[in-house]
Amino acid sequence: MESVFTIAVIATLCFCGLKFVEMRVWNKNKPMKPLKYFIRDAILVFLSASIAAFAHLYLGDSIHSFMNTVTETKVLNTANTEVFTDTPGF
């Protein structure tokens, strides 16, 4: 769970940094927006990044399996397949 939180915090910090640069550098002529809109956008980015990171990290295998079923892709699971190529140990 801490990796989801870390990814969400990094995404939010990147967004806040880019938004700050946009407000200070690119939009010099326009009036500044109130801080409450900046905070609201940062919270939305944090929630979106948290949901996306959770879905990717914890549901990635099931989503991958589902998409293989939908697209009828034949997939061999090599983690369950064992082949003995050495001389027998008995």
PDB file of N, CA and C in Angstrom:
ATOM      1  N   MET A   1       0.824  -1.189   0.000  1.00  0.00           N
ATOM      2  CA  MET A   1       0.000   0.000   0.000  1.00  0.00           C
ATOM      3  C   MET A   1       0.869   1.255   0.000  1.00  0.00           C
ATOM      4  N   GLU A   2       2.047   1.163   0.600  1.00  0.00           N
ATOM      5  CA  GLU A   2       2.904   2.346   0.638  1.00  0.00           C
ATOM      6  C   GLU A   2       3.421   2.719  -0.748  1.00  0.00           C
ATOM      7  N   SER A   3       3.537   1.733  -1.651  1.00  0.00           N
ATOM      8  CA  SER A   3       3.975   2.069  -3.005  1.00  0.00           C
ATOM      9  C   SER A   3       2.890   2.853  -3.747  1.00  0.00           C
ATOM     10  N   VAL A   4       1.637   2.544  -3.491  1.00  0.00           N
ATOM     11  CA  VAL A   4       0.535   3.301  -4.095  1.00  0.00           C
ATOM     12  C   VAL A   4       0.572   4.737  -3.589  1.00  0.00           C
ATOM     13  N   PHE A   5       0.766   4.896  -2.292  1.00  0.00           N
ATOM     14  CA  PHE A   5       0.848   6.235  -1.705  1.00  0.00           C
ATOM     15  C   PHE A   5       2.036   7.012  -2.266  1.00  0.00           C
ATOM     16  N   THR A   6       3.178   6.344  -2.417  1.00  0.00           N
ATOM     17  CA  THR A   6       4.377   7.002  -2.955  1.00  0.00           C
ATOM     18  C   THR A   6       4.153   7.469  -4.384  1.00  0.00           C
ATOM     19  N   ILE A   7       3.572   6.624  -5.200  1.00  0.00           N
ATOM     20  CA  ILE A   7       3.303   6.993  -6.597  1.00  0.00           C
ATOM     21  C   ILE A   7       2.333   8.173  -6.660  1.00  0.00           C
ATOM     22  N   ALA A   8       1.312   8.149  -5.823  1.00  0.00           N
ATOM     23  CA  ALA A   8       0.323   9.235  -5.819  1.00  0.00           C
ATOM     24  C   ALA A   8       0.949  10.552  -5.360  1.00  0.00           C
ATOM     25  N   VAL A   9       1.805  10.495  -4.343  1.00  0.00           N
ATOM     26  CA  VAL A   9       2.456  11.717  -3.855  1.00  0.00           C
ATOM     27  C   VAL A   9       3.396  12.282  -4.912  1.00  0.00           C
ATOM     28  N   ILE A  10       4.155  11.426  -5.573  1.00  0.00           N
ATOM     29  CA  ILE A  10       5.082  11.898  -6.614  1.00  0.00           C
ATOM     30  C   ILE A  10       4.303  12.530  -7.771  1.00  0.00           C
ATOM     31  N   ALA A  11       3.211  11.893  -8.175  1.00  0.00           N
ATOM     32  CA  ALA A  11       2.396  12.460  -9.259  1.00  0.00           C
ATOM     33  C   ALA A  11       1.798  13.802  -8.858  1.00  0.00           C
ATOM     34  N   THR A  12       1.355  13.905  -7.610  1.00  0.00           N
ATOM     35  CA  THR A  12       0.780  15.164  -7.137  1.00  0.00           C
ATOM     36  C   THR A  12       1.828  16.262  -7.058  1.00  0.00           C
ATOM     37  N   LEU A  13       3.021  15.933  -6.584  1.00  0.00           N
ATOM     38  CA  LEU A  13       4.097  16.937  -6.521  1.00  0.00           C
ATOM     39  C   LEU A  13       4.501  17.404  -7.913  1.00  0.00           C
ATOM     40  N   CYS A  14       4.565  16.479  -8.861  1.00  0.00           N
ATOM     41  CA  CYS A  14       4.875  16.871 -10.247  1.00  0.00           C
ATOM     42  C   CYS A  14       3.789  17.798 -10.794  1.00  0.00           C
ATOM     43  N   PHE A  15       2.535  17.455 -10.541  1.00  0.00           N
ATOM     44  CA  PHE A  15       1.440  18.302 -11.004  1.00  0.00           C
ATOM     45  C   PHE A  15       1.522  19.690 -10.382  1.00  0.00           C
ATOM     46  N   CYS A  16       1.739  19.741  -9.061  1.00  0.00           N
ATOM     47  CA  CYS A  16       1.797  21.038  -8.374  1.00  0.00           C
ATOM     48  C   CYS A  16       2.953  21.886  -8.893  1.00  0.00           C
ATOM     49  N   GLY A  17       4.093  21.261  -9.130  1.00  0.00           N
ATOM     50  CA  GLY A  17       5.236  21.996  -9.662  1.00  0.00           C
ATOM     51  C   GLY A  17       4.955  22.561 -11.039  1.00  0.00           C
ATOM     52  N   LEU A  18       4.392  21.739 -11.907  1.00  0.00           N
ATOM     53  CA  LEU A  18       4.081  22.210 -13.256  1.00  0.00           C
ATOM     54  C   LEU A  18       2.971  23.259 -13.247  1.00  0.00           C
ATOM     55  N   LYS A  19       2.009  23.099 -12.373  1.00  0.00           N
ATOM     56  CA  LYS A  19       0.928  24.083 -12.273  1.00  0.00           C
ATOM     57  C   LYS A  19       1.462  25.421 -11.758  1.00  0.00           C
ATOM     58  N   PHE A  20       2.378  25.366 -10.804  1.00  0.00           N
ATOM     59  CA  PHE A  20       2.985  26.592 -10.278  1.00  0.00           C
ATOM     60  C   PHE A  20       3.775  27.312 -11.374  1.00  0.00           C
ATOM     61  N   VAL A  21       4.546  26.549 -12.146  1.00  0.00           N
ATOM     62  CA  VAL A  21       5.311  27.151 -13.252  1.00  0.00           C
ATOM     63  C   VAL A  21       4.358  27.750 -14.272  1.00  0.00           C
ATOM     64  N   GLU A  22       3.272  27.055 -14.552  1.00  0.00           N
ATOM     65  CA  GLU A  22       2.301  27.584 -15.508  1.00  0.00           C
ATOM     66  C   GLU A  22       1.709  28.904 -15.016  1.00  0.00           C
ATOM     67  N   MET A  23       1.353  28.953 -13.738  1.00  0.00           N
ATOM     68  CA  MET A  23       0.742  30.165 -13.199  1.00  0.00           C
ATOM     69  C   MET A  23       1.731  31.327 -13.147  1.00  0.00           C
ATOM     70  N   ARG A  24       2.989  31.064 -12.854  1.00  0.00           N
ATOM     71  CA  ARG A  24       3.977  32.134 -12.697  1.00  0.00           C
ATOM     72  C   ARG A  24       4.644  32.551 -14.005  1.00  0.00           C
ATOM     73  N   VAL A  25       4.921  31.597 -14.885  1.00  0.00           N
ATOM     74  CA  VAL A  25       5.720  31.889 -16.072  1.00  0.00           C
ATOM     75  C   VAL A  25       4.860  32.070 -17.318  1.00  0.00           C
ATOM     76  N   TRP A  26       4.033  31.088 -17.618  1.00  0.00           N
ATOM     77  CA  TRP A  26       3.310  31.112 -18.886  1.00  0.00           C
ATOM     78  C   TRP A  26       2.112  32.042 -18.871  1.00  0.00           C
ATOM     79  N   ASN A  27       1.483  32.219 -17.747  1.00  0.00           N
ATOM     80  CA  ASN A  27       0.287  33.058 -17.669  1.00  0.00           C
ATOM     81  C   ASN A  27       0.564  34.342 -16.893  1.00  0.00           C
ATOM     82  N   LYS A  28       1.588  35.057 -17.300  1.00  0.00           N
ATOM     83  CA  LYS A  28       1.940  36.300 -16.606  1.00  0.00           C
ATOM     84  C   LYS A  28       0.866  37.363 -16.755  1.00  0.00           C
ATOM     85  N   ASN A  29       0.263  37.424 -17.932  1.00  0.00           N
ATOM     86  CA  ASN A  29      -0.688  38.489 -18.230  1.00  0.00           C
ATOM     87  C   ASN A  29      -2.048  38.248 -17.575  1.00  0.00           C
ATOM     88  N   LYS A  30      -2.397  36.998 -17.324  1.00  0.00           N
ATOM     89  CA  LYS A  30      -3.712  36.675 -16.771  1.00  0.00           C
ATOM     90  C   LYS A  30      -3.700  36.830 -15.258  1.00  0.00           C
ATOM     91  N   PRO A  31      -4.834  37.170 -14.683  1.00  0.00           N
ATOM     92  CA  PRO A  31      -4.893  37.268 -13.211  1.00  0.00           C
ATOM     93  C   PRO A  31      -4.750  35.888 -12.570  1.00  0.00           C
ATOM     94  N   MET A  32      -4.188  35.871 -11.374  1.00  0.00           N
ATOM     95  CA  MET A  32      -3.977  34.626 -10.649  1.00  0.00           C
ATOM     96  C   MET A  32      -5.315  34.047 -10.198  1.00  0.00           C
ATOM     97  N   LYS A  33      -5.431  32.732 -10.297  1.00  0.00           N
ATOM     98  CA  LYS A  33      -6.622  32.054  -9.795  1.00  0.00           C
ATOM     99  C   LYS A  33      -6.496  31.908  -8.284  1.00  0.00           C
ATOM    100  N   PRO A  34      -7.617  31.817  -7.592  1.00  0.00           N
ATOM    101  CA  PRO A  34      -7.557  31.637  -6.137  1.00  0.00           C
ATOM    102  C   PRO A  34      -6.878  30.316  -5.760  1.00  0.00           C
ATOM    103  N   LEU A  35      -6.303  30.289  -4.572  1.00  0.00           N
ATOM    104  CA  LEU A  35      -5.570  29.125  -4.090  1.00  0.00           C
ATOM    105  C   LEU A  35      -6.472  27.908  -3.909  1.00  0.00           C
ATOM    106  N   LYS A  36      -7.753  28.114  -3.655  1.00  0.00           N
ATOM    107  CA  LYS A  36      -8.657  26.989  -3.427  1.00  0.00           C
ATOM    108  C   LYS A  36      -8.798  26.131  -4.678  1.00  0.00           C
ATOM    109  N   TYR A  37      -8.695  26.716  -5.875  1.00  0.00           N
ATOM    110  CA  TYR A  37      -8.756  25.930  -7.103  1.00  0.00           C
ATOM    111  C   TYR A  37      -7.484  25.106  -7.288  1.00  0.00           C
ATOM    112  N   PHE A  38      -6.372  25.676  -6.898  1.00  0.00           N
ATOM    113  CA  PHE A  38      -5.095  24.968  -6.965  1.00  0.00           C
ATOM    114  C   PHE A  38      -5.117  23.750  -6.035  1.00  0.00           C
ATOM    115  N   ILE A  39      -5.610  23.929  -4.831  1.00  0.00           N
ATOM    116  CA  ILE A  39      -5.681  22.837  -3.854  1.00  0.00           C
ATOM    117  C   ILE A  39      -6.696  21.783  -4.297  1.00  0.00           C
ATOM    118  N   ARG A  40      -7.828  22.217  -4.823  1.00  0.00           N
ATOM    119  CA  ARG A  40      -8.832  21.269  -5.314  1.00  0.00           C
ATOM    120  C   ARG A  40      -8.267  20.410  -6.437  1.00  0.00           C
ATOM    121  N   ASP A  41      -7.550  21.027  -7.380  1.00  0.00           N
ATOM    122  CA  ASP A  41      -6.946  20.271  -8.470  1.00  0.00           C
ATOM    123  C   ASP A  41      -5.894  19.294  -7.956  1.00  0.00           C
ATOM    124  N   ALA A  42      -5.112  19.701  -6.959  1.00  0.00           N
ATOM    125  CA  ALA A  42      -4.089  18.820  -6.390  1.00  0.00           C
ATOM    126  C   ALA A  42      -4.727  17.610  -5.705  1.00  0.00           C
ATOM    127  N   ILE A  43      -5.840  17.825  -5.012  1.00  0.00           N
ATOM    128  CA  ILE A  43      -6.536  16.708  -4.365  1.00  0.00           C
ATOM    129  C   ILE A  43      -7.100  15.749  -5.406  1.00  0.00           C
ATOM    130  N   LEU A  44      -7.658  16.286  -6.482  1.00  0.00           N
ATOM    131  CA  LEU A  44      -8.178  15.432  -7.551  1.00  0.00           C
ATOM    132  C   LEU A  44      -7.072  14.624  -8.211  1.00  0.00           C
ATOM    133  N   VAL A  45      -5.917  15.231  -8.411  1.00  0.00           N
ATOM    134  CA  VAL A  45      -4.789  14.510  -8.993  1.00  0.00           C
ATOM    135  C   VAL A  45      -4.313  13.414  -8.049  1.00  0.00           C
ATOM    136  N   PHE A  46      -4.258  13.710  -6.751  1.00  0.00           N
ATOM    137  CA  PHE A  46      -3.835  12.705  -5.779  1.00  0.00           C
ATOM    138  C   PHE A  46      -4.792  11.512  -5.775  1.00  0.00           C
ATOM    139  N   LEU A  47      -6.089  11.777  -5.748  1.00  0.00           N
ATOM    140  CA  LEU A  47      -7.065  10.687  -5.756  1.00  0.00           C
ATOM    141  C   LEU A  47      -7.002   9.884  -7.049  1.00  0.00           C
ATOM    142  N   SER A  48      -6.874  10.561  -8.170  1.00  0.00           N
ATOM    143  CA  SER A  48      -6.788   9.867  -9.459  1.00  0.00           C
ATOM    144  C   SER A  48      -5.538   9.014  -9.540  1.00  0.00           C
ATOM    145  N   ALA A  49      -4.416   9.542  -9.098  1.00  0.00           N
ATOM    146  CA  ALA A  49      -3.170   8.786  -9.129  1.00  0.00           C
ATOM    147  C   ALA A  49      -3.224   7.601  -8.173  1.00  0.00           C
ATOM    148  N   SER A  50      -3.869   7.762  -7.027  1.00  0.00           N
ATOM    149  CA  SER A  50      -3.998   6.660  -6.069  1.00  0.00           C
ATOM    150  C   SER A  50      -4.826   5.520  -6.657  1.00  0.00           C
ATOM    151  N   ILE A  51      -5.930   5.857  -7.269  1.00  0.00           N
ATOM    152  CA  ILE A  51      -6.791   4.834  -7.861  1.00  0.00           C
ATOM    153  C   ILE A  51      -6.083   4.134  -9.009  1.00  0.00           C
ATOM    154  N   ALA A  52      -5.410   4.901  -9.855  1.00  0.00           N
ATOM    155  CA  ALA A  52      -4.706   4.308 -10.994  1.00  0.00           C
ATOM    156  C   ALA A  52      -3.547   3.429 -10.537  1.00  0.00           C
ATOM    157  N   ALA A  53      -2.786   3.870  -9.543  1.00  0.00           N
ATOM    158  CA  ALA A  53      -1.675   3.073  -9.042  1.00  0.00           C
ATOM    159  C   ALA A  53      -2.173   1.799  -8.378  1.00  0.00           C
ATOM    160  N   PHE A  54      -3.255   1.887  -7.613  1.00  0.00           N
ATOM    161  CA  PHE A  54      -3.828   0.702  -6.991  1.00  0.00           C
ATOM    162  C   PHE A  54      -4.276  -0.295  -8.051  1.00  0.00           C
ATOM    163  N   ALA A  55      -4.965   0.193  -9.055  1.00  0.00           N
ATOM    164  CA  ALA A  55      -5.444  -0.689 -10.117  1.00  0.00           C
ATOM    165  C   ALA A  55      -4.285  -1.340 -10.853  1.00  0.00           C
ATOM    166  N   HIS A  56      -3.252  -0.588 -11.107  1.00  0.00           N
ATOM    167  CA  HIS A  56      -2.112  -1.139 -11.847  1.00  0.00           C
ATOM    168  C   HIS A  56      -1.321  -2.134 -11.014  1.00  0.00           C
ATOM    169  N   LEU A  57      -1.045  -1.821  -9.771  1.00  0.00           N
ATOM    170  CA  LEU A  57      -0.194  -2.682  -8.949  1.00  0.00           C
ATOM    171  C   LEU A  57      -0.911  -3.916  -8.422  1.00  0.00           C
ATOM    172  N   TYR A  58      -2.157  -3.788  -8.036  1.00  0.00           N
ATOM    173  CA  TYR A  58      -2.841  -4.901  -7.385  1.00  0.00           C
ATOM    174  C   TYR A  58      -3.802  -5.660  -8.281  1.00  0.00           C
ATOM    175  N   LEU A  59      -4.243  -5.051  -9.346  1.00  0.00           N
ATOM    176  CA  LEU A  59      -5.175  -5.715 -10.241  1.00  0.00           C
ATOM    177  C   LEU A  59      -4.576  -5.975 -11.610  1.00  0.00           C
ATOM    178  N   GLY A  60      -3.296  -5.736 -11.770  1.00  0.00           N
ATOM    179  CA  GLY A  60      -2.657  -5.860 -13.078  1.00  0.00           C
ATOM    180  C   GLY A  60      -2.733  -7.250 -13.664  1.00  0.00           C
ATOM    181  N   ASP A  61      -2.495  -8.284 -12.855  1.00  0.00           N
ATOM    182  CA  ASP A  61      -2.531  -9.650 -13.371  1.00  0.00           C
ATOM    183  C   ASP A  61      -3.938 -10.061 -13.786  1.00  0.00           C
ATOM    184  N   SER A  62      -4.923  -9.720 -12.984  1.00  0.00           N
ATOM    185  CA  SER A  62      -6.290 -10.100 -13.332  1.00  0.00           C
ATOM    186  C   SER A  62      -6.784  -9.332 -14.552  1.00  0.00           C
ATOM    187  N   ILE A  63      -6.387  -8.074 -14.683  1.00  0.00           N
ATOM    188  CA  ILE A  63      -6.762  -7.297 -15.868  1.00  0.00           C
ATOM    189  C   ILE A  63      -6.085  -7.871 -17.103  1.00  0.00           C
ATOM    190  N   HIS A  64      -4.819  -8.266 -16.954  1.00  0.00           N
ATOM    191  CA  HIS A  64      -4.088  -8.866 -18.072  1.00  0.00           C
ATOM    192  C   HIS A  64      -4.749 -10.176 -18.493  1.00  0.00           C
ATOM    193  N   SER A  65      -5.125 -11.003 -17.539  1.00  0.00           N
ATOM    194  CA  SER A  65      -5.803 -12.271 -17.847  1.00  0.00           C
ATOM    195  C   SER A  65      -7.150 -12.022 -18.519  1.00  0.00           C
ATOM    196  N   PHE A  66      -7.871 -11.042 -18.028  1.00  0.00           N
ATOM    197  CA  PHE A  66      -9.163 -10.705 -18.625  1.00  0.00           C
ATOM    198  C   PHE A  66      -8.996 -10.252 -20.071  1.00  0.00           C
ATOM    199  N   MET A  67      -8.009  -9.389 -20.325  1.00  0.00           N
ATOM    200  CA  MET A  67      -7.800  -8.902 -21.690  1.00  0.00           C
ATOM    201  C   MET A  67      -7.343 -10.030 -22.613  1.00  0.00           C
ATOM    202  N   ASN A  68      -6.575 -10.993 -22.104  1.00  0.00           N
ATOM    203  CA  ASN A  68      -6.192 -12.147 -22.924  1.00  0.00           C
ATOM    204  C   ASN A  68      -7.413 -12.989 -23.270  1.00  0.00           C
ATOM    205  N   THR A  69      -8.359 -13.097 -22.354  1.00  0.00           N
ATOM    206  CA  THR A  69      -9.578 -13.841 -22.614  1.00  0.00           C
ATOM    207  C   THR A  69     -10.445 -13.121 -23.643  1.00  0.00           C
ATOM    208  N   VAL A  70     -10.547 -11.819 -23.522  1.00  0.00           N
ATOM    209  CA  VAL A  70     -11.366 -11.041 -24.447  1.00  0.00           C
ATOM    210  C   VAL A  70     -10.793 -11.092 -25.855  1.00  0.00           C
ATOM    211  N   THR A  71      -9.484 -10.973 -25.970  1.00  0.00           N
ATOM    212  CA  THR A  71      -8.850 -10.956 -27.286  1.00  0.00           C
ATOM    213  C   THR A  71      -8.486 -12.347 -27.784  1.00  0.00           C
ATOM    214  N   GLU A  72      -8.823 -13.376 -26.992  1.00  0.00           N
ATOM    215  CA  GLU A  72      -8.542 -14.765 -27.331  1.00  0.00           C
ATOM    216  C   GLU A  72      -7.065 -15.005 -27.608  1.00  0.00           C
ATOM    217  N   THR A  73      -6.218 -14.384 -26.823  1.00  0.00           N
ATOM    218  CA  THR A  73      -4.777 -14.563 -26.940  1.00  0.00           C
ATOM    219  C   THR A  73      -4.373 -15.805 -26.154  1.00  0.00           C
ATOM    220  N   LYS A  74      -3.647 -16.695 -26.795  1.00  0.00           N
ATOM    221  CA  LYS A  74      -3.166 -17.894 -26.120  1.00  0.00           C
ATOM    222  C   LYS A  74      -1.909 -17.530 -25.347  1.00  0.00           C
ATOM    223  N   VAL A  75      -1.953 -17.751 -24.030  1.00  0.00           N
ATOM    224  CA  VAL A  75      -0.834 -17.395 -23.172  1.00  0.00           C
ATOM    225  C   VAL A  75      -0.416 -18.624 -22.383  1.00  0.00           C
ATOM    226  N   LEU A  76       0.867 -18.910 -22.392  1.00  0.00           N
ATOM    227  CA  LEU A  76       1.414 -20.009 -21.610  1.00  0.00           C
ATOM    228  C   LEU A  76       1.985 -19.433 -20.335  1.00  0.00           C
ATOM    229  N   ASN A  77       1.502 -19.892 -19.202  1.00  0.00           N
ATOM    230  CA  ASN A  77       1.988 -19.411 -17.914  1.00  0.00           C
ATOM    231  C   ASN A  77       3.255 -20.180 -17.566  1.00  0.00           C
ATOM    232  N   THR A  78       4.405 -19.544 -17.745  1.00  0.00           N
ATOM    233  CA  THR A  78       5.684 -20.222 -17.525  1.00  0.00           C
ATOM    234  C   THR A  78       6.006 -20.425 -16.052  1.00  0.00           C
ATOM    235  N   ALA A  79       5.313 -19.739 -15.163  1.00  0.00           N
ATOM    236  CA  ALA A  79       5.568 -19.913 -13.735  1.00  0.00           C
ATOM    237  C   ALA A  79       5.087 -21.280 -13.260  1.00  0.00           C
ATOM    238  N   ASN A  80       4.052 -21.834 -13.879  1.00  0.00           N
ATOM    239  CA  ASN A  80       3.511 -23.130 -13.484  1.00  0.00           C
ATOM    240  C   ASN A  80       4.075 -24.284 -14.295  1.00  0.00           C
ATOM    241  N   THR A  81       4.754 -24.003 -15.380  1.00  0.00           N
ATOM    242  CA  THR A  81       5.289 -25.040 -16.242  1.00  0.00           C
ATOM    243  C   THR A  81       6.708 -25.372 -15.816  1.00  0.00           C
ATOM    244  N   GLU A  82       6.943 -26.651 -15.520  1.00  0.00           N
ATOM    245  CA  GLU A  82       8.277 -27.085 -15.126  1.00  0.00           C
ATOM    246  C   GLU A  82       8.763 -28.145 -16.111  1.00  0.00           C
ATOM    247  N   VAL A  83       9.986 -27.967 -16.597  1.00  0.00           N
ATOM    248  CA  VAL A  83      10.590 -28.924 -17.514  1.00  0.00           C
ATOM    249  C   VAL A  83      11.927 -29.341 -16.916  1.00  0.00           C
ATOM    250  N   PHE A  84      12.116 -30.652 -16.811  1.00  0.00           N
ATOM    251  CA  PHE A  84      13.385 -31.153 -16.282  1.00  0.00           C
ATOM    252  C   PHE A  84      14.287 -31.510 -17.452  1.00  0.00           C
ATOM    253  N   THR A  85      15.441 -30.854 -17.535  1.00  0.00           N
ATOM    254  CA  THR A  85      16.368 -31.103 -18.632  1.00  0.00           C
ATOM    255  C   THR A  85      17.689 -31.671 -18.161  1.00  0.00           C
ATOM    256  N   ASP A  86      17.844 -31.890 -16.897  1.00  0.00           N
ATOM    257  CA  ASP A  86      19.097 -32.393 -16.333  1.00  0.00           C
ATOM    258  C   ASP A  86      18.963 -33.895 -16.092  1.00  0.00           C
ATOM    259  N   THR A  87      20.050 -34.512 -15.745  1.00  0.00           N
ATOM    260  CA  THR A  87      20.010 -35.941 -15.415  1.00  0.00           C
ATOM    261  C   THR A  87      19.204 -36.139 -14.141  1.00  0.00           C
ATOM    262  N   PRO A  88      18.499 -37.243 -14.022  1.00  0.00           N
ATOM    263  CA  PRO A  88      17.697 -37.471 -12.817  1.00  0.00           C
ATOM    264  C   PRO A  88      18.574 -37.595 -11.577  1.00  0.00           C
ATOM    265  N   GLY A  89      18.072 -37.143 -10.465  1.00  0.00           N
ATOM    266  CA  GLY A  89      18.836 -37.159  -9.225  1.00  0.00           C
ATOM    267  C   GLY A  89      18.661 -38.418  -8.410  1.00  0.00           C
ATOM    268  N   PHE A  90      18.084 -39.465  -8.962  1.00  0.00           N
ATOM    269  CA  PHE A  90      17.886 -40.690  -8.178  1.00  0.00           C
ATOM    270  C   PHE A  90      18.775 -41.801  -8.629  1.00  0.00           C
TER     271      PHE A  90
END
